[in-house]
Amino acid sequence: MWHALDMKPVQVTFDDALLDRLDRHPTVRARGRSAVLREAAAEYLRKKDAEEIDRRYRAGYGDGGAAPDAPGIDDELDGWAAEGAWPEI
């Protein structure tokens, strides 16, 4: 939950067309521009954090520039899919 005391105002510049589109969106009208932009910024950071974790994960398993015959994550996990008990849906 956001609290006004925890927030700092910032100035962001948009071109007219993008700002008009944003302001016409029903979610922006219902929740307010600031709330939607905070949510968009948080989602952007979550995505970038996940991309960085994925990059590090791949690098840790030699998937980033390793020799073509070097084992990678696919080789390490090969055969394990049949070992689990999967529920019927």
PDB file of N, CA and C in Angstrom:
ATOM      1  N   MET A   1       0.848  -1.178   0.000  1.00  0.00           N
ATOM      2  CA  MET A   1       0.000   0.000   0.000  1.00  0.00           C
ATOM      3  C   MET A   1       0.893   1.240   0.000  1.00  0.00           C
ATOM      4  N   TRP A   2       0.578   2.155  -0.854  1.00  0.00           N
ATOM      5  CA  TRP A   2       1.347   3.391  -0.954  1.00  0.00           C
ATOM      6  C   TRP A   2       0.824   4.403   0.059  1.00  0.00           C
ATOM      7  N   HIS A   3       1.739   5.122   0.665  1.00  0.00           N
ATOM      8  CA  HIS A   3       1.371   6.187   1.600  1.00  0.00           C
ATOM      9  C   HIS A   3       1.996   7.478   1.095  1.00  0.00           C
ATOM     10  N   ALA A   4       1.233   8.546   1.154  1.00  0.00           N
ATOM     11  CA  ALA A   4       1.698   9.829   0.633  1.00  0.00           C
ATOM     12  C   ALA A   4       3.012  10.261   1.270  1.00  0.00           C
ATOM     13  N   LEU A   5       3.235   9.909   2.534  1.00  0.00           N
ATOM     14  CA  LEU A   5       4.469  10.310   3.203  1.00  0.00           C
ATOM     15  C   LEU A   5       5.685   9.564   2.660  1.00  0.00           C
ATOM     16  N   ASP A   6       5.449   8.393   2.054  1.00  0.00           N
ATOM     17  CA  ASP A   6       6.541   7.585   1.518  1.00  0.00           C
ATOM     18  C   ASP A   6       6.905   7.958   0.083  1.00  0.00           C
ATOM     19  N   MET A   7       6.201   8.892  -0.505  1.00  0.00           N
ATOM     20  CA  MET A   7       6.388   9.193  -1.923  1.00  0.00           C
ATOM     21  C   MET A   7       7.056  10.533  -2.136  1.00  0.00           C
ATOM     22  N   LYS A   8       7.776  10.589  -3.252  1.00  0.00           N
ATOM     23  CA  LYS A   8       8.407  11.830  -3.672  1.00  0.00           C
ATOM     24  C   LYS A   8       7.879  12.185  -5.052  1.00  0.00           C
ATOM     25  N   PRO A   9       7.562  13.450  -5.268  1.00  0.00           N
ATOM     26  CA  PRO A   9       7.102  13.842  -6.602  1.00  0.00           C
ATOM     27  C   PRO A   9       8.269  13.831  -7.590  1.00  0.00           C
ATOM     28  N   VAL A  10       7.971  13.417  -8.810  1.00  0.00           N
ATOM     29  CA  VAL A  10       8.953  13.445  -9.885  1.00  0.00           C
ATOM     30  C   VAL A  10       8.304  14.073 -11.107  1.00  0.00           C
ATOM     31  N   GLN A  11       9.122  14.612 -11.962  1.00  0.00           N
ATOM     32  CA  GLN A  11       8.616  15.193 -13.199  1.00  0.00           C
ATOM     33  C   GLN A  11       9.012  14.271 -14.344  1.00  0.00           C
ATOM     34  N   VAL A  12       8.025  13.873 -15.136  1.00  0.00           N
ATOM     35  CA  VAL A  12       8.248  12.987 -16.268  1.00  0.00           C
ATOM     36  C   VAL A  12       7.716  13.679 -17.510  1.00  0.00           C
ATOM     37  N   THR A  13       8.448  13.566 -18.593  1.00  0.00           N
ATOM     38  CA  THR A  13       8.050  14.217 -19.833  1.00  0.00           C
ATOM     39  C   THR A  13       7.502  13.189 -20.816  1.00  0.00           C
ATOM     40  N   PHE A  14       6.324  13.462 -21.359  1.00  0.00           N
ATOM     41  CA  PHE A  14       5.676  12.629 -22.368  1.00  0.00           C
ATOM     42  C   PHE A  14       5.358  13.481 -23.582  1.00  0.00           C
ATOM     43  N   ASP A  15       5.362  12.847 -24.763  1.00  0.00           N
ATOM     44  CA  ASP A  15       4.870  13.595 -25.919  1.00  0.00           C
ATOM     45  C   ASP A  15       3.345  13.636 -25.828  1.00  0.00           C
ATOM     46  N   ASP A  16       2.739  14.589 -26.523  1.00  0.00           N
ATOM     47  CA  ASP A  16       1.298  14.817 -26.399  1.00  0.00           C
ATOM     48  C   ASP A  16       0.469  13.588 -26.753  1.00  0.00           C
ATOM     49  N   ALA A  17       0.849  12.880 -27.806  1.00  0.00           N
ATOM     50  CA  ALA A  17       0.061  11.730 -28.251  1.00  0.00           C
ATOM     51  C   ALA A  17       0.055  10.626 -27.189  1.00  0.00           C
ATOM     52  N   LEU A  18       1.212  10.331 -26.615  1.00  0.00           N
ATOM     53  CA  LEU A  18       1.284   9.288 -25.597  1.00  0.00           C
ATOM     54  C   LEU A  18       0.526   9.697 -24.343  1.00  0.00           C
ATOM     55  N   LEU A  19       0.663  10.933 -23.938  1.00  0.00           N
ATOM     56  CA  LEU A  19      -0.046  11.413 -22.750  1.00  0.00           C
ATOM     57  C   LEU A  19      -1.559  11.373 -22.968  1.00  0.00           C
ATOM     58  N   ASP A  20      -2.018  11.748 -24.155  1.00  0.00           N
ATOM     59  CA  ASP A  20      -3.447  11.680 -24.459  1.00  0.00           C
ATOM     60  C   ASP A  20      -3.953  10.245 -24.393  1.00  0.00           C
ATOM     61  N   ARG A  21      -3.196   9.307 -24.970  1.00  0.00           N
ATOM     62  CA  ARG A  21      -3.588   7.886 -24.927  1.00  0.00           C
ATOM     63  C   ARG A  21      -3.649   7.394 -23.486  1.00  0.00           C
ATOM     64  N   LEU A  22      -2.638   7.754 -22.718  1.00  0.00           N
ATOM     65  CA  LEU A  22      -2.590   7.339 -21.316  1.00  0.00           C
ATOM     66  C   LEU A  22      -3.802   7.871 -20.556  1.00  0.00           C
ATOM     67  N   ASP A  23      -4.081   9.137 -20.706  1.00  0.00           N
ATOM     68  CA  ASP A  23      -5.170   9.760 -19.965  1.00  0.00           C
ATOM     69  C   ASP A  23      -6.551   9.266 -20.386  1.00  0.00           C
ATOM     70  N   ARG A  24      -6.684   8.750 -21.595  1.00  0.00           N
ATOM     71  CA  ARG A  24      -7.971   8.212 -22.055  1.00  0.00           C
ATOM     72  C   ARG A  24      -8.204   6.783 -21.577  1.00  0.00           C
ATOM     73  N   HIS A  25      -7.163   6.107 -21.117  1.00  0.00           N
ATOM     74  CA  HIS A  25      -7.311   4.705 -20.727  1.00  0.00           C
ATOM     75  C   HIS A  25      -8.192   4.593 -19.482  1.00  0.00           C
ATOM     76  N   PRO A  26      -9.136   3.631 -19.484  1.00  0.00           N
ATOM     77  CA  PRO A  26     -10.065   3.496 -18.352  1.00  0.00           C
ATOM     78  C   PRO A  26      -9.374   3.266 -17.003  1.00  0.00           C
ATOM     79  N   THR A  27      -8.292   2.514 -16.988  1.00  0.00           N
ATOM     80  CA  THR A  27      -7.594   2.269 -15.721  1.00  0.00           C
ATOM     81  C   THR A  27      -6.997   3.560 -15.177  1.00  0.00           C
ATOM     82  N   VAL A  28      -6.445   4.371 -16.052  1.00  0.00           N
ATOM     83  CA  VAL A  28      -5.872   5.651 -15.623  1.00  0.00           C
ATOM     84  C   VAL A  28      -6.974   6.556 -15.100  1.00  0.00           C
ATOM     85  N   ARG A  29      -8.113   6.537 -15.773  1.00  0.00           N
ATOM     86  CA  ARG A  29      -9.235   7.359 -15.309  1.00  0.00           C
ATOM     87  C   ARG A  29      -9.734   6.905 -13.939  1.00  0.00           C
ATOM     88  N   ALA A  30      -9.727   5.600 -13.709  1.00  0.00           N
ATOM     89  CA  ALA A  30     -10.239   5.065 -12.448  1.00  0.00           C
ATOM     90  C   ALA A  30      -9.235   5.203 -11.303  1.00  0.00           C
ATOM     91  N   ARG A  31      -7.965   4.926 -11.587  1.00  0.00           N
ATOM     92  CA  ARG A  31      -6.969   4.868 -10.513  1.00  0.00           C
ATOM     93  C   ARG A  31      -6.074   6.092 -10.436  1.00  0.00           C
ATOM     94  N   GLY A  32      -5.956   6.807 -11.541  1.00  0.00           N
ATOM     95  CA  GLY A  32      -5.095   7.980 -11.575  1.00  0.00           C
ATOM     96  C   GLY A  32      -3.792   7.698 -12.289  1.00  0.00           C
ATOM     97  N   ARG A  33      -3.279   8.720 -12.915  1.00  0.00           N
ATOM     98  CA  ARG A  33      -2.048   8.610 -13.705  1.00  0.00           C
ATOM     99  C   ARG A  33      -0.868   8.162 -12.851  1.00  0.00           C
ATOM    100  N   SER A  34      -0.709   8.743 -11.683  1.00  0.00           N
ATOM    101  CA  SER A  34       0.440   8.410 -10.841  1.00  0.00           C
ATOM    102  C   SER A  34       0.427   6.940 -10.428  1.00  0.00           C
ATOM    103  N   ALA A  35      -0.744   6.433 -10.045  1.00  0.00           N
ATOM    104  CA  ALA A  35      -0.841   5.030  -9.627  1.00  0.00           C
ATOM    105  C   ALA A  35      -0.466   4.095 -10.768  1.00  0.00           C
ATOM    106  N   VAL A  36      -0.952   4.388 -11.954  1.00  0.00           N
ATOM    107  CA  VAL A  36      -0.657   3.536 -13.115  1.00  0.00           C
ATOM    108  C   VAL A  36       0.823   3.613 -13.470  1.00  0.00           C
ATOM    109  N   LEU A  37       1.414   4.786 -13.423  1.00  0.00           N
ATOM    110  CA  LEU A  37       2.836   4.915 -13.739  1.00  0.00           C
ATOM    111  C   LEU A  37       3.705   4.251 -12.673  1.00  0.00           C
ATOM    112  N   ARG A  38       3.302   4.302 -11.400  1.00  0.00           N
ATOM    113  CA  ARG A  38       4.033   3.570 -10.362  1.00  0.00           C
ATOM    114  C   ARG A  38       3.996   2.073 -10.638  1.00  0.00           C
ATOM    115  N   GLU A  39       2.819   1.569 -10.989  1.00  0.00           N
ATOM    116  CA  GLU A  39       2.671   0.154 -11.294  1.00  0.00           C
ATOM    117  C   GLU A  39       3.516  -0.236 -12.514  1.00  0.00           C
ATOM    118  N   ALA A  40       3.520   0.604 -13.531  1.00  0.00           N
ATOM    119  CA  ALA A  40       4.314   0.332 -14.735  1.00  0.00           C
ATOM    120  C   ALA A  40       5.804   0.313 -14.404  1.00  0.00           C
ATOM    121  N   ALA A  41       6.255   1.231 -13.569  1.00  0.00           N
ATOM    122  CA  ALA A  41       7.669   1.263 -13.188  1.00  0.00           C
ATOM    123  C   ALA A  41       8.039   0.023 -12.384  1.00  0.00           C
ATOM    124  N   ALA A  42       7.178  -0.376 -11.461  1.00  0.00           N
ATOM    125  CA  ALA A  42       7.446  -1.574 -10.658  1.00  0.00           C
ATOM    126  C   ALA A  42       7.494  -2.816 -11.549  1.00  0.00           C
ATOM    127  N   GLU A  43       6.582  -2.923 -12.503  1.00  0.00           N
ATOM    128  CA  GLU A  43       6.565  -4.068 -13.415  1.00  0.00           C
ATOM    129  C   GLU A  43       7.823  -4.084 -14.289  1.00  0.00           C
ATOM    130  N   TYR A  44       8.250  -2.923 -14.752  1.00  0.00           N
ATOM    131  CA  TYR A  44       9.475  -2.821 -15.543  1.00  0.00           C
ATOM    132  C   TYR A  44      10.668  -3.338 -14.741  1.00  0.00           C
ATOM    133  N   LEU A  45      10.768  -2.938 -13.483  1.00  0.00           N
ATOM    134  CA  LEU A  45      11.877  -3.381 -12.641  1.00  0.00           C
ATOM    135  C   LEU A  45      11.811  -4.878 -12.355  1.00  0.00           C
ATOM    136  N   ARG A  46      10.601  -5.416 -12.127  1.00  0.00           N
ATOM    137  CA  ARG A  46      10.458  -6.865 -11.931  1.00  0.00           C
ATOM    138  C   ARG A  46      10.938  -7.618 -13.163  1.00  0.00           C
ATOM    139  N   LYS A  47      10.563  -7.134 -14.342  1.00  0.00           N
ATOM    140  CA  LYS A  47      10.966  -7.771 -15.598  1.00  0.00           C
ATOM    141  C   LYS A  47      12.477  -7.721 -15.768  1.00  0.00           C
ATOM    142  N   LYS A  48      13.075  -6.588 -15.526  1.00  0.00           N
ATOM    143  CA  LYS A  48      14.530  -6.445 -15.666  1.00  0.00           C
ATOM    144  C   LYS A  48      15.264  -7.317 -14.655  1.00  0.00           C
ATOM    145  N   ASP A  49      14.752  -7.407 -13.421  1.00  0.00           N
ATOM    146  CA  ASP A  49      15.367  -8.281 -12.416  1.00  0.00           C
ATOM    147  C   ASP A  49      15.296  -9.737 -12.864  1.00  0.00           C
ATOM    148  N   ALA A  50      14.139 -10.147 -13.403  1.00  0.00           N
ATOM    149  CA  ALA A  50      13.983 -11.527 -13.873  1.00  0.00           C
ATOM    150  C   ALA A  50      14.924 -11.805 -15.045  1.00  0.00           C
ATOM    151  N   GLU A  51      15.089 -10.848 -15.939  1.00  0.00           N
ATOM    152  CA  GLU A  51      16.017 -11.016 -17.066  1.00  0.00           C
ATOM    153  C   GLU A  51      17.454 -11.167 -16.566  1.00  0.00           C
ATOM    154  N   GLU A  52      17.814 -10.406 -15.552  1.00  0.00           N
ATOM    155  CA  GLU A  52      19.169 -10.497 -15.004  1.00  0.00           C
ATOM    156  C   GLU A  52      19.389 -11.845 -14.323  1.00  0.00           C
ATOM    157  N   ILE A  53      18.402 -12.323 -13.586  1.00  0.00           N
ATOM    158  CA  ILE A  53      18.517 -13.641 -12.959  1.00  0.00           C
ATOM    159  C   ILE A  53      18.667 -14.710 -14.029  1.00  0.00           C
ATOM    160  N   ASP A  54      17.877 -14.615 -15.089  1.00  0.00           N
ATOM    161  CA  ASP A  54      17.966 -15.580 -16.189  1.00  0.00           C
ATOM    162  C   ASP A  54      19.341 -15.529 -16.842  1.00  0.00           C
ATOM    163  N   ARG A  55      19.856 -14.320 -17.058  1.00  0.00           N
ATOM    164  CA  ARG A  55      21.178 -14.175 -17.672  1.00  0.00           C
ATOM    165  C   ARG A  55      22.253 -14.825 -16.801  1.00  0.00           C
ATOM    166  N   ARG A  56      22.178 -14.574 -15.495  1.00  0.00           N
ATOM    167  CA  ARG A  56      23.169 -15.161 -14.585  1.00  0.00           C
ATOM    168  C   ARG A  56      23.032 -16.682 -14.510  1.00  0.00           C
ATOM    169  N   TYR A  57      21.807 -17.147 -14.538  1.00  0.00           N
ATOM    170  CA  TYR A  57      21.546 -18.583 -14.497  1.00  0.00           C
ATOM    171  C   TYR A  57      22.166 -19.258 -15.726  1.00  0.00           C
ATOM    172  N   ARG A  58      21.914 -18.672 -16.886  1.00  0.00           N
ATOM    173  CA  ARG A  58      22.471 -19.242 -18.117  1.00  0.00           C
ATOM    174  C   ARG A  58      24.001 -19.170 -18.122  1.00  0.00           C
ATOM    175  N   ALA A  59      24.536 -18.075 -17.660  1.00  0.00           N
ATOM    176  CA  ALA A  59      25.994 -17.939 -17.610  1.00  0.00           C
ATOM    177  C   ALA A  59      26.595 -18.956 -16.643  1.00  0.00           C
ATOM    178  N   GLY A  60      25.917 -19.221 -15.541  1.00  0.00           N
ATOM    179  CA  GLY A  60      26.408 -20.171 -14.554  1.00  0.00           C
ATOM    180  C   GLY A  60      26.426 -21.604 -15.056  1.00  0.00           C
ATOM    181  N   TYR A  61      25.569 -21.894 -16.021  1.00  0.00           N
ATOM    182  CA  TYR A  61      25.530 -23.240 -16.580  1.00  0.00           C
ATOM    183  C   TYR A  61      26.254 -23.326 -17.914  1.00  0.00           C
ATOM    184  N   GLY A  62      27.062 -22.348 -18.223  1.00  0.00           N
ATOM    185  CA  GLY A  62      27.874 -22.401 -19.423  1.00  0.00           C
ATOM    186  C   GLY A  62      27.107 -22.196 -20.707  1.00  0.00           C
ATOM    187  N   ASP A  63      25.912 -21.622 -20.624  1.00  0.00           N
ATOM    188  CA  ASP A  63      25.098 -21.433 -21.816  1.00  0.00           C
ATOM    189  C   ASP A  63      25.467 -20.145 -22.550  1.00  0.00           C
ATOM    190  N   GLY A  64      26.361 -19.372 -21.993  1.00  0.00           N
ATOM    191  CA  GLY A  64      26.714 -18.105 -22.616  1.00  0.00           C
ATOM    192  C   GLY A  64      28.112 -18.126 -23.173  1.00  0.00           C
ATOM    193  N   GLY A  65      28.318 -18.739 -24.298  1.00  0.00           N
ATOM    194  CA  GLY A  65      29.619 -18.731 -24.947  1.00  0.00           C
ATOM    195  C   GLY A  65      30.464 -19.954 -24.668  1.00  0.00           C
ATOM    196  N   ALA A  66      29.898 -20.988 -24.092  1.00  0.00           N
ATOM    197  CA  ALA A  66      30.661 -22.209 -23.831  1.00  0.00           C
ATOM    198  C   ALA A  66      30.917 -22.945 -25.140  1.00  0.00           C
ATOM    199  N   ALA A  67      31.865 -23.854 -25.099  1.00  0.00           N
ATOM    200  CA  ALA A  67      32.167 -24.669 -26.277  1.00  0.00           C
ATOM    201  C   ALA A  67      30.914 -25.440 -26.676  1.00  0.00           C
ATOM    202  N   PRO A  68      30.709 -25.666 -27.976  1.00  0.00           N
ATOM    203  CA  PRO A  68      29.495 -26.333 -28.438  1.00  0.00           C
ATOM    204  C   PRO A  68      29.265 -27.711 -27.811  1.00  0.00           C
ATOM    205  N   ASP A  69      30.335 -28.440 -27.469  1.00  0.00           N
ATOM    206  CA  ASP A  69      30.159 -29.772 -26.902  1.00  0.00           C
ATOM    207  C   ASP A  69      30.154 -29.772 -25.369  1.00  0.00           C
ATOM    208  N   ALA A  70      30.233 -28.587 -24.741  1.00  0.00           N
ATOM    209  CA  ALA A  70      30.218 -28.500 -23.279  1.00  0.00           C
ATOM    210  C   ALA A  70      28.810 -28.761 -22.764  1.00  0.00           C
ATOM    211  N   PRO A  71      28.687 -29.472 -21.642  1.00  0.00           N
ATOM    212  CA  PRO A  71      27.351 -29.726 -21.100  1.00  0.00           C
ATOM    213  C   PRO A  71      26.705 -28.437 -20.618  1.00  0.00           C
ATOM    214  N   GLY A  72      25.432 -28.332 -20.840  1.00  0.00           N
ATOM    215  CA  GLY A  72      24.664 -27.180 -20.388  1.00  0.00           C
ATOM    216  C   GLY A  72      23.527 -27.632 -19.511  1.00  0.00           C
ATOM    217  N   ILE A  73      22.626 -26.719 -19.211  1.00  0.00           N
ATOM    218  CA  ILE A  73      21.507 -27.037 -18.327  1.00  0.00           C
ATOM    219  C   ILE A  73      20.628 -28.125 -18.922  1.00  0.00           C
ATOM    220  N   ASP A  74      20.411 -28.128 -20.237  1.00  0.00           N
ATOM    221  CA  ASP A  74      19.568 -29.141 -20.856  1.00  0.00           C
ATOM    222  C   ASP A  74      20.160 -30.528 -20.663  1.00  0.00           C
ATOM    223  N   ASP A  75      21.484 -30.638 -20.773  1.00  0.00           N
ATOM    224  CA  ASP A  75      22.139 -31.931 -20.588  1.00  0.00           C
ATOM    225  C   ASP A  75      22.033 -32.382 -19.132  1.00  0.00           C
ATOM    226  N   GLU A  76      22.188 -31.449 -18.222  1.00  0.00           N
ATOM    227  CA  GLU A  76      22.163 -31.797 -16.804  1.00  0.00           C
ATOM    228  C   GLU A  76      20.788 -32.290 -16.356  1.00  0.00           C
ATOM    229  N   LEU A  77      19.747 -31.732 -16.931  1.00  0.00           N
ATOM    230  CA  LEU A  77      18.390 -32.089 -16.530  1.00  0.00           C
ATOM    231  C   LEU A  77      17.769 -33.165 -17.417  1.00  0.00           C
ATOM    232  N   ASP A  78      18.486 -33.583 -18.445  1.00  0.00           N
ATOM    233  CA  ASP A  78      17.971 -34.570 -19.381  1.00  0.00           C
ATOM    234  C   ASP A  78      17.560 -35.851 -18.654  1.00  0.00           C
ATOM    235  N   GLY A  79      16.353 -36.335 -18.930  1.00  0.00           N
ATOM    236  CA  GLY A  79      15.875 -37.573 -18.354  1.00  0.00           C
ATOM    237  C   GLY A  79      15.100 -37.427 -17.060  1.00  0.00           C
ATOM    238  N   TRP A  80      15.146 -36.274 -16.427  1.00  0.00           N
ATOM    239  CA  TRP A  80      14.474 -36.114 -15.143  1.00  0.00           C
ATOM    240  C   TRP A  80      12.974 -35.892 -15.276  1.00  0.00           C
ATOM    241  N   ALA A  81      12.480 -35.492 -16.433  1.00  0.00           N
ATOM    242  CA  ALA A  81      11.052 -35.204 -16.590  1.00  0.00           C
ATOM    243  C   ALA A  81      10.199 -36.435 -16.309  1.00  0.00           C
ATOM    244  N   ALA A  82      10.693 -37.625 -16.633  1.00  0.00           N
ATOM    245  CA  ALA A  82       9.926 -38.848 -16.421  1.00  0.00           C
ATOM    246  C   ALA A  82       9.966 -39.311 -14.960  1.00  0.00           C
ATOM    247  N   GLU A  83      10.771 -38.706 -14.132  1.00  0.00           N
ATOM    248  CA  GLU A  83      10.925 -39.137 -12.749  1.00  0.00           C
ATOM    249  C   GLU A  83       9.839 -38.595 -11.824  1.00  0.00           C
ATOM    250  N   GLY A  84       9.180 -37.541 -12.222  1.00  0.00           N
ATOM    251  CA  GLY A  84       8.174 -36.932 -11.351  1.00  0.00           C
ATOM    252  C   GLY A  84       6.824 -37.609 -11.473  1.00  0.00           C
ATOM    253  N   ALA A  85       6.013 -37.458 -10.456  1.00  0.00           N
ATOM    254  CA  ALA A  85       4.629 -37.926 -10.484  1.00  0.00           C
ATOM    255  C   ALA A  85       3.761 -36.697 -10.758  1.00  0.00           C
ATOM    256  N   TRP A  86       3.158 -36.687 -11.916  1.00  0.00           N
ATOM    257  CA  TRP A  86       2.378 -35.527 -12.330  1.00  0.00           C
ATOM    258  C   TRP A  86       0.893 -35.790 -12.102  1.00  0.00           C
ATOM    259  N   PRO A  87       0.176 -34.853 -11.503  1.00  0.00           N
ATOM    260  CA  PRO A  87      -1.254 -35.062 -11.240  1.00  0.00           C
ATOM    261  C   PRO A  87      -2.055 -35.065 -12.537  1.00  0.00           C
ATOM    262  N   GLU A  88      -3.131 -35.824 -12.532  1.00  0.00           N
ATOM    263  CA  GLU A  88      -4.053 -35.821 -13.660  1.00  0.00           C
ATOM    264  C   GLU A  88      -4.891 -34.557 -13.581  1.00  0.00           C
ATOM    265  N   ILE A  89      -5.112 -33.941 -14.717  1.00  0.00           N
ATOM    266  CA  ILE A  89      -5.929 -32.702 -14.738  1.00  0.00           C
ATOM    267  C   ILE A  89      -7.230 -32.984 -15.434  1.00  0.00           C
TER     268      ILE A  89
END
